[in-house]
């Protein structure tokens, strides 16, 4: 944003939306949610994210419910 403002592409006071996330939130889960909302993730990336969540101790049923998929997909 700073570079765009310096280049004159945007004004210095352009509003920028941001989301404040609880510092105790699971970073992997938040990243997965953010990416899934924008565009469907590549299956390999989704696999790695689901794997990280299961390795952190999150139950398969919880992961499936949070991301609208079946436990078989997880």
PDB file of N, CA and C in Angstrom:
ATOM      1  N   UNK A   1       0.825  -1.172   0.000  1.00  0.00           N
ATOM      2  CA  UNK A   1       0.000   0.000   0.000  1.00  0.00           C
ATOM      3  C   UNK A   1       0.882   1.253   0.000  1.00  0.00           C
ATOM      4  N   UNK A   2       1.947   1.208   0.778  1.00  0.00           N
ATOM      5  CA  UNK A   2       2.845   2.357   0.844  1.00  0.00           C
ATOM      6  C   UNK A   2       3.467   2.630  -0.524  1.00  0.00           C
ATOM      7  N   UNK A   3       3.868   1.577  -1.203  1.00  0.00           N
ATOM      8  CA  UNK A   3       4.471   1.725  -2.531  1.00  0.00           C
ATOM      9  C   UNK A   3       3.471   2.305  -3.520  1.00  0.00           C
ATOM     10  N   UNK A   4       2.229   1.845  -3.470  1.00  0.00           N
ATOM     11  CA  UNK A   4       1.193   2.377  -4.364  1.00  0.00           C
ATOM     12  C   UNK A   4       0.929   3.850  -4.087  1.00  0.00           C
ATOM     13  N   UNK A   5       0.915   4.229  -2.812  1.00  0.00           N
ATOM     14  CA  UNK A   5       0.695   5.627  -2.452  1.00  0.00           C
ATOM     15  C   UNK A   5       1.867   6.488  -2.922  1.00  0.00           C
ATOM     16  N   UNK A   6       3.072   6.000  -2.726  1.00  0.00           N
ATOM     17  CA  UNK A   6       4.255   6.745  -3.158  1.00  0.00           C
ATOM     18  C   UNK A   6       4.285   6.917  -4.674  1.00  0.00           C
ATOM     19  N   UNK A   7       3.767   5.916  -5.408  1.00  0.00           N
ATOM     20  CA  UNK A   7       3.735   5.978  -6.862  1.00  0.00           C
ATOM     21  C   UNK A   7       2.574   6.834  -7.375  1.00  0.00           C
ATOM     22  N   UNK A   8       1.683   7.237  -6.471  1.00  0.00           N
ATOM     23  CA  UNK A   8       0.534   8.039  -6.878  1.00  0.00           C
ATOM     24  C   UNK A   8      -0.618   7.217  -7.420  1.00  0.00           C
ATOM     25  N   UNK A   9      -0.517   5.909  -7.316  1.00  0.00           N
ATOM     26  CA  UNK A   9      -1.580   5.027  -7.805  1.00  0.00           C
ATOM     27  C   UNK A   9      -2.816   5.134  -6.922  1.00  0.00           C
ATOM     28  N   UNK A  10      -2.603   5.295  -5.636  1.00  0.00           N
ATOM     29  CA  UNK A  10      -3.694   5.493  -4.683  1.00  0.00           C
ATOM     30  C   UNK A  10      -3.351   6.689  -3.804  1.00  0.00           C
ATOM     31  N   UNK A  11      -4.376   7.260  -3.170  1.00  0.00           N
ATOM     32  CA  UNK A  11      -4.115   8.386  -2.275  1.00  0.00           C
ATOM     33  C   UNK A  11      -3.599   7.871  -0.935  1.00  0.00           C
ATOM     34  N   UNK A  12      -2.978   8.754  -0.177  1.00  0.00           N
ATOM     35  CA  UNK A  12      -2.424   8.376   1.122  1.00  0.00           C
ATOM     36  C   UNK A  12      -3.498   8.015   2.134  1.00  0.00           C
ATOM     37  N   UNK A  13      -4.721   8.449   1.895  1.00  0.00           N
ATOM     38  CA  UNK A  13      -5.780   8.214   2.882  1.00  0.00           C
ATOM     39  C   UNK A  13      -6.861   7.253   2.378  1.00  0.00           C
ATOM     40  N   UNK A  14      -6.507   6.406   1.416  1.00  0.00           N
ATOM     41  CA  UNK A  14      -7.482   5.446   0.890  1.00  0.00           C
ATOM     42  C   UNK A  14      -7.883   4.480   2.013  1.00  0.00           C
ATOM     43  N   UNK A  15      -9.184   4.241   2.182  1.00  0.00           N
ATOM     44  CA  UNK A  15      -9.597   3.304   3.236  1.00  0.00           C
ATOM     45  C   UNK A  15      -9.219   1.863   2.871  1.00  0.00           C
ATOM     46  N   UNK A  16      -8.749   1.152   3.857  1.00  0.00           N
ATOM     47  CA  UNK A  16      -8.346  -0.241   3.666  1.00  0.00           C
ATOM     48  C   UNK A  16      -9.056  -1.069   4.713  1.00  0.00           C
ATOM     49  N   UNK A  17      -9.831  -2.038   4.264  1.00  0.00           N
ATOM     50  CA  UNK A  17     -10.521  -2.891   5.226  1.00  0.00           C
ATOM     51  C   UNK A  17      -9.556  -3.953   5.748  1.00  0.00           C
ATOM     52  N   UNK A  18      -9.721  -4.291   6.991  1.00  0.00           N
ATOM     53  CA  UNK A  18      -8.900  -5.342   7.566  1.00  0.00           C
ATOM     54  C   UNK A  18      -9.719  -6.080   8.616  1.00  0.00           C
ATOM     55  N   UNK A  19      -9.324  -7.285   8.886  1.00  0.00           N
ATOM     56  CA  UNK A  19      -9.979  -8.095   9.902  1.00  0.00           C
ATOM     57  C   UNK A  19      -9.008  -8.338  11.037  1.00  0.00           C
ATOM     58  N   UNK A  20      -9.468  -8.063  12.241  1.00  0.00           N
ATOM     59  CA  UNK A  20      -8.656  -8.331  13.421  1.00  0.00           C
ATOM     60  C   UNK A  20      -9.037  -9.717  13.914  1.00  0.00           C
ATOM     61  N   UNK A  21      -8.051 -10.590  14.006  1.00  0.00           N
ATOM     62  CA  UNK A  21      -8.290 -11.978  14.374  1.00  0.00           C
ATOM     63  C   UNK A  21      -7.760 -12.222  15.776  1.00  0.00           C
ATOM     64  N   UNK A  22      -8.506 -12.972  16.527  1.00  0.00           N
ATOM     65  CA  UNK A  22      -8.120 -13.326  17.891  1.00  0.00           C
ATOM     66  C   UNK A  22      -6.712 -13.919  17.879  1.00  0.00           C
ATOM     67  N   UNK A  23      -5.816 -13.407  18.725  1.00  0.00           N
ATOM     68  CA  UNK A  23      -4.439 -13.933  18.726  1.00  0.00           C
ATOM     69  C   UNK A  23      -4.357 -15.407  19.110  1.00  0.00           C
ATOM     70  N   UNK A  24      -5.419 -15.949  19.727  1.00  0.00           N
ATOM     71  CA  UNK A  24      -5.418 -17.364  20.088  1.00  0.00           C
ATOM     72  C   UNK A  24      -5.966 -18.246  18.971  1.00  0.00           C
ATOM     73  N   UNK A  25      -6.391 -17.637  17.861  1.00  0.00           N
ATOM     74  CA  UNK A  25      -6.949 -18.400  16.744  1.00  0.00           C
ATOM     75  C   UNK A  25      -5.866 -19.259  16.098  1.00  0.00           C
ATOM     76  N   UNK A  26      -6.280 -20.384  15.547  1.00  0.00           N
ATOM     77  CA  UNK A  26      -5.366 -21.291  14.861  1.00  0.00           C
ATOM     78  C   UNK A  26      -5.008 -20.674  13.503  1.00  0.00           C
ATOM     79  N   UNK A  27      -3.749 -20.326  13.296  1.00  0.00           N
ATOM     80  CA  UNK A  27      -3.306 -19.658  12.077  1.00  0.00           C
ATOM     81  C   UNK A  27      -3.574 -20.506  10.837  1.00  0.00           C
ATOM     82  N   UNK A  28      -3.382 -21.811  10.925  1.00  0.00           N
ATOM     83  CA  UNK A  28      -3.638 -22.689   9.783  1.00  0.00           C
ATOM     84  C   UNK A  28      -5.104 -22.653   9.407  1.00  0.00           C
ATOM     85  N   UNK A  29      -5.970 -22.716  10.415  1.00  0.00           N
ATOM     86  CA  UNK A  29      -7.407 -22.692  10.160  1.00  0.00           C
ATOM     87  C   UNK A  29      -7.821 -21.363   9.543  1.00  0.00           C
ATOM     88  N   UNK A  30      -7.317 -20.267  10.065  1.00  0.00           N
ATOM     89  CA  UNK A  30      -7.674 -18.949   9.541  1.00  0.00           C
ATOM     90  C   UNK A  30      -7.205 -18.789   8.097  1.00  0.00           C
ATOM     91  N   UNK A  31      -6.022 -19.269   7.793  1.00  0.00           N
ATOM     92  CA  UNK A  31      -5.503 -19.197   6.436  1.00  0.00           C
ATOM     93  C   UNK A  31      -6.360 -20.025   5.486  1.00  0.00           C
ATOM     94  N   UNK A  32      -6.741 -21.210   5.927  1.00  0.00           N
ATOM     95  CA  UNK A  32      -7.570 -22.087   5.102  1.00  0.00           C
ATOM     96  C   UNK A  32      -8.909 -21.433   4.826  1.00  0.00           C
ATOM     97  N   UNK A  33      -9.519 -20.853   5.835  1.00  0.00           N
ATOM     98  CA  UNK A  33     -10.811 -20.179   5.664  1.00  0.00           C
ATOM     99  C   UNK A  33     -10.665 -19.027   4.679  1.00  0.00           C
ATOM    100  N   UNK A  34      -9.674 -18.199   4.880  1.00  0.00           N
ATOM    101  CA  UNK A  34      -9.478 -17.032   4.020  1.00  0.00           C
ATOM    102  C   UNK A  34      -9.277 -17.442   2.568  1.00  0.00           C
ATOM    103  N   UNK A  35      -8.454 -18.439   2.335  1.00  0.00           N
ATOM    104  CA  UNK A  35      -8.188 -18.867   0.966  1.00  0.00           C
ATOM    105  C   UNK A  35      -9.385 -19.568   0.339  1.00  0.00           C
ATOM    106  N   UNK A  36     -10.122 -20.323   1.104  1.00  0.00           N
ATOM    107  CA  UNK A  36     -11.273 -21.049   0.567  1.00  0.00           C
ATOM    108  C   UNK A  36     -12.386 -20.094   0.160  1.00  0.00           C
ATOM    109  N   UNK A  37     -12.497 -18.967   0.844  1.00  0.00           N
ATOM    110  CA  UNK A  37     -13.539 -17.989   0.525  1.00  0.00           C
ATOM    111  C   UNK A  37     -13.227 -17.293  -0.793  1.00  0.00           C
ATOM    112  N   UNK A  38     -11.976 -17.018  -1.051  1.00  0.00           N
ATOM    113  CA  UNK A  38     -11.591 -16.296  -2.265  1.00  0.00           C
ATOM    114  C   UNK A  38     -11.727 -17.160  -3.510  1.00  0.00           C
ATOM    115  N   UNK A  39     -11.111 -18.290  -3.471  1.00  0.00           N
ATOM    116  CA  UNK A  39     -11.078 -19.180  -4.630  1.00  0.00           C
ATOM    117  C   UNK A  39     -10.827 -20.590  -4.114  1.00  0.00           C
ATOM    118  N   UNK A  40     -11.398 -21.567  -4.768  1.00  0.00           N
ATOM    119  CA  UNK A  40     -11.212 -22.946  -4.333  1.00  0.00           C
ATOM    120  C   UNK A  40      -9.734 -23.281  -4.298  1.00  0.00           C
ATOM    121  N   UNK A  41      -9.306 -23.832  -3.173  1.00  0.00           N
ATOM    122  CA  UNK A  41      -7.898 -24.188  -3.026  1.00  0.00           C
ATOM    123  C   UNK A  41      -7.572 -25.417  -3.867  1.00  0.00           C
ATOM    124  N   UNK A  42      -6.318 -25.511  -4.241  1.00  0.00           N
ATOM    125  CA  UNK A  42      -5.846 -26.709  -4.926  1.00  0.00           C
ATOM    126  C   UNK A  42      -5.956 -27.858  -3.926  1.00  0.00           C
ATOM    127  N   UNK A  43      -6.390 -29.032  -4.366  1.00  0.00           N
ATOM    128  CA  UNK A  43      -6.545 -30.161  -3.438  1.00  0.00           C
ATOM    129  C   UNK A  43      -5.298 -30.474  -2.618  1.00  0.00           C
ATOM    130  N   UNK A  44      -4.113 -30.308  -3.194  1.00  0.00           N
ATOM    131  CA  UNK A  44      -2.888 -30.590  -2.445  1.00  0.00           C
ATOM    132  C   UNK A  44      -2.709 -29.596  -1.296  1.00  0.00           C
ATOM    133  N   UNK A  45      -3.038 -28.327  -1.544  1.00  0.00           N
ATOM    134  CA  UNK A  45      -2.939 -27.320  -0.490  1.00  0.00           C
ATOM    135  C   UNK A  45      -3.972 -27.570   0.600  1.00  0.00           C
ATOM    136  N   UNK A  46      -5.171 -27.932   0.182  1.00  0.00           N
ATOM    137  CA  UNK A  46      -6.229 -28.245   1.137  1.00  0.00           C
ATOM    138  C   UNK A  46      -5.824 -29.448   1.992  1.00  0.00           C
ATOM    139  N   UNK A  47      -5.242 -30.456   1.357  1.00  0.00           N
ATOM    140  CA  UNK A  47      -4.771 -31.644   2.072  1.00  0.00           C
ATOM    141  C   UNK A  47      -3.761 -31.258   3.151  1.00  0.00           C
ATOM    142  N   UNK A  48      -2.786 -30.422   2.789  1.00  0.00           N
ATOM    143  CA  UNK A  48      -1.755 -30.021   3.743  1.00  0.00           C
ATOM    144  C   UNK A  48      -2.358 -29.242   4.915  1.00  0.00           C
ATOM    145  N   UNK A  49      -3.330 -28.382   4.628  1.00  0.00           N
ATOM    146  CA  UNK A  49      -3.971 -27.606   5.692  1.00  0.00           C
ATOM    147  C   UNK A  49      -4.774 -28.518   6.608  1.00  0.00           C
ATOM    148  N   UNK A  50      -5.543 -29.438   6.033  1.00  0.00           N
ATOM    149  CA  UNK A  50      -6.312 -30.382   6.850  1.00  0.00           C
ATOM    150  C   UNK A  50      -5.366 -31.257   7.683  1.00  0.00           C
ATOM    151  N   UNK A  51      -4.258 -31.664   7.092  1.00  0.00           N
ATOM    152  CA  UNK A  51      -3.283 -32.475   7.813  1.00  0.00           C
ATOM    153  C   UNK A  51      -2.724 -31.706   9.013  1.00  0.00           C
ATOM    154  N   UNK A  52      -2.388 -30.452   8.801  1.00  0.00           N
ATOM    155  CA  UNK A  52      -1.854 -29.638   9.896  1.00  0.00           C
ATOM    156  C   UNK A  52      -2.874 -29.498  11.020  1.00  0.00           C
ATOM    157  N   UNK A  53      -4.143 -29.332  10.655  1.00  0.00           N
ATOM    158  CA  UNK A  53      -5.187 -29.206  11.680  1.00  0.00           C
ATOM    159  C   UNK A  53      -5.360 -30.516  12.447  1.00  0.00           C
ATOM    160  N   UNK A  54      -5.322 -31.647  11.734  1.00  0.00           N
ATOM    161  CA  UNK A  54      -5.466 -32.931  12.441  1.00  0.00           C
ATOM    162  C   UNK A  54      -4.249 -33.188  13.324  1.00  0.00           C
ATOM    163  N   UNK A  55      -3.070 -32.827  12.848  1.00  0.00           N
ATOM    164  CA  UNK A  55      -1.864 -33.019  13.654  1.00  0.00           C
ATOM    165  C   UNK A  55      -1.842 -32.125  14.891  1.00  0.00           C
ATOM    166  N   UNK A  56      -2.582 -31.009  14.822  1.00  0.00           N
ATOM    167  CA  UNK A  56      -2.654 -30.127  15.985  1.00  0.00           C
ATOM    168  C   UNK A  56      -3.689 -30.630  16.994  1.00  0.00           C
ATOM    169  N   UNK A  57      -4.393 -31.715  16.625  1.00  0.00           N
ATOM    170  CA  UNK A  57      -5.341 -32.318  17.557  1.00  0.00           C
ATOM    171  C   UNK A  57      -6.801 -32.029  17.285  1.00  0.00           C
ATOM    172  N   UNK A  58      -7.107 -31.303  16.224  1.00  0.00           N
ATOM    173  CA  UNK A  58      -8.499 -31.010  15.911  1.00  0.00           C
ATOM    174  C   UNK A  58      -9.167 -32.267  15.349  1.00  0.00           C
ATOM    175  N   UNK A  59     -10.325 -32.653  15.894  1.00  0.00           N
ATOM    176  CA  UNK A  59     -11.015 -33.852  15.406  1.00  0.00           C
ATOM    177  C   UNK A  59     -11.490 -33.696  13.950  1.00  0.00           C
ATOM    178  N   UNK A  60     -11.489 -34.802  13.225  1.00  0.00           N
ATOM    179  CA  UNK A  60     -11.921 -34.788  11.824  1.00  0.00           C
ATOM    180  C   UNK A  60     -13.321 -34.211  11.670  1.00  0.00           C
ATOM    181  N   UNK A  61     -14.214 -34.590  12.570  1.00  0.00           N
ATOM    182  CA  UNK A  61     -15.596 -34.108  12.473  1.00  0.00           C
ATOM    183  C   UNK A  61     -15.652 -32.587  12.589  1.00  0.00           C
ATOM    184  N   UNK A  62     -14.828 -32.010  13.445  1.00  0.00           N
ATOM    185  CA  UNK A  62     -14.808 -30.558  13.606  1.00  0.00           C
ATOM    186  C   UNK A  62     -14.286 -29.870  12.353  1.00  0.00           C
ATOM    187  N   UNK A  63     -13.231 -30.417  11.777  1.00  0.00           N
ATOM    188  CA  UNK A  63     -12.665 -29.841  10.556  1.00  0.00           C
ATOM    189  C   UNK A  63     -13.698 -29.898   9.437  1.00  0.00           C
ATOM    190  N   UNK A  64     -14.314 -31.056   9.270  1.00  0.00           N
ATOM    191  CA  UNK A  64     -15.320 -31.227   8.223  1.00  0.00           C
ATOM    192  C   UNK A  64     -16.468 -30.241   8.401  1.00  0.00           C
ATOM    193  N   UNK A  65     -16.948 -30.085   9.614  1.00  0.00           N
ATOM    194  CA  UNK A  65     -18.068 -29.183   9.879  1.00  0.00           C
ATOM    195  C   UNK A  65     -17.693 -27.729   9.607  1.00  0.00           C
ATOM    196  N   UNK A  66     -16.508 -27.336   9.987  1.00  0.00           N
ATOM    197  CA  UNK A  66     -16.084 -25.939   9.807  1.00  0.00           C
ATOM    198  C   UNK A  66     -15.911 -25.562   8.347  1.00  0.00           C
ATOM    199  N   UNK A  67     -15.547 -26.534   7.513  1.00  0.00           N
ATOM    200  CA  UNK A  67     -15.258 -26.220   6.128  1.00  0.00           C
ATOM    201  C   UNK A  67     -16.273 -26.791   5.150  1.00  0.00           C
ATOM    202  N   UNK A  68     -17.365 -27.334   5.669  1.00  0.00           N
ATOM    203  CA  UNK A  68     -18.456 -27.780   4.811  1.00  0.00           C
ATOM    204  C   UNK A  68     -18.110 -28.955   3.913  1.00  0.00           C
ATOM    205  N   UNK A  69     -17.294 -29.851   4.427  1.00  0.00           N
ATOM    206  CA  UNK A  69     -16.932 -31.044   3.662  1.00  0.00           C
ATOM    207  C   UNK A  69     -17.227 -32.266   4.545  1.00  0.00           C
ATOM    208  N   UNK A  70     -17.126 -33.436   3.964  1.00  0.00           N
ATOM    209  CA  UNK A  70     -17.348 -34.654   4.741  1.00  0.00           C
ATOM    210  C   UNK A  70     -16.048 -35.062   5.437  1.00  0.00           C
ATOM    211  N   UNK A  71     -16.186 -35.909   6.425  1.00  0.00           N
ATOM    212  CA  UNK A  71     -14.987 -36.426   7.094  1.00  0.00           C
ATOM    213  C   UNK A  71     -14.127 -37.210   6.119  1.00  0.00           C
ATOM    214  N   UNK A  72     -14.735 -37.848   5.136  1.00  0.00           N
ATOM    215  CA  UNK A  72     -13.967 -38.602   4.133  1.00  0.00           C
ATOM    216  C   UNK A  72     -13.062 -37.650   3.338  1.00  0.00           C
ATOM    217  N   UNK A  73     -13.534 -36.437   3.071  1.00  0.00           N
ATOM    218  CA  UNK A  73     -12.717 -35.455   2.353  1.00  0.00           C
ATOM    219  C   UNK A  73     -11.538 -35.038   3.228  1.00  0.00           C
ATOM    220  N   UNK A  74     -11.809 -34.834   4.509  1.00  0.00           N
ATOM    221  CA  UNK A  74     -10.734 -34.460   5.448  1.00  0.00           C
ATOM    222  C   UNK A  74      -9.738 -35.585   5.537  1.00  0.00           C
TER     223      UNK A  74
END
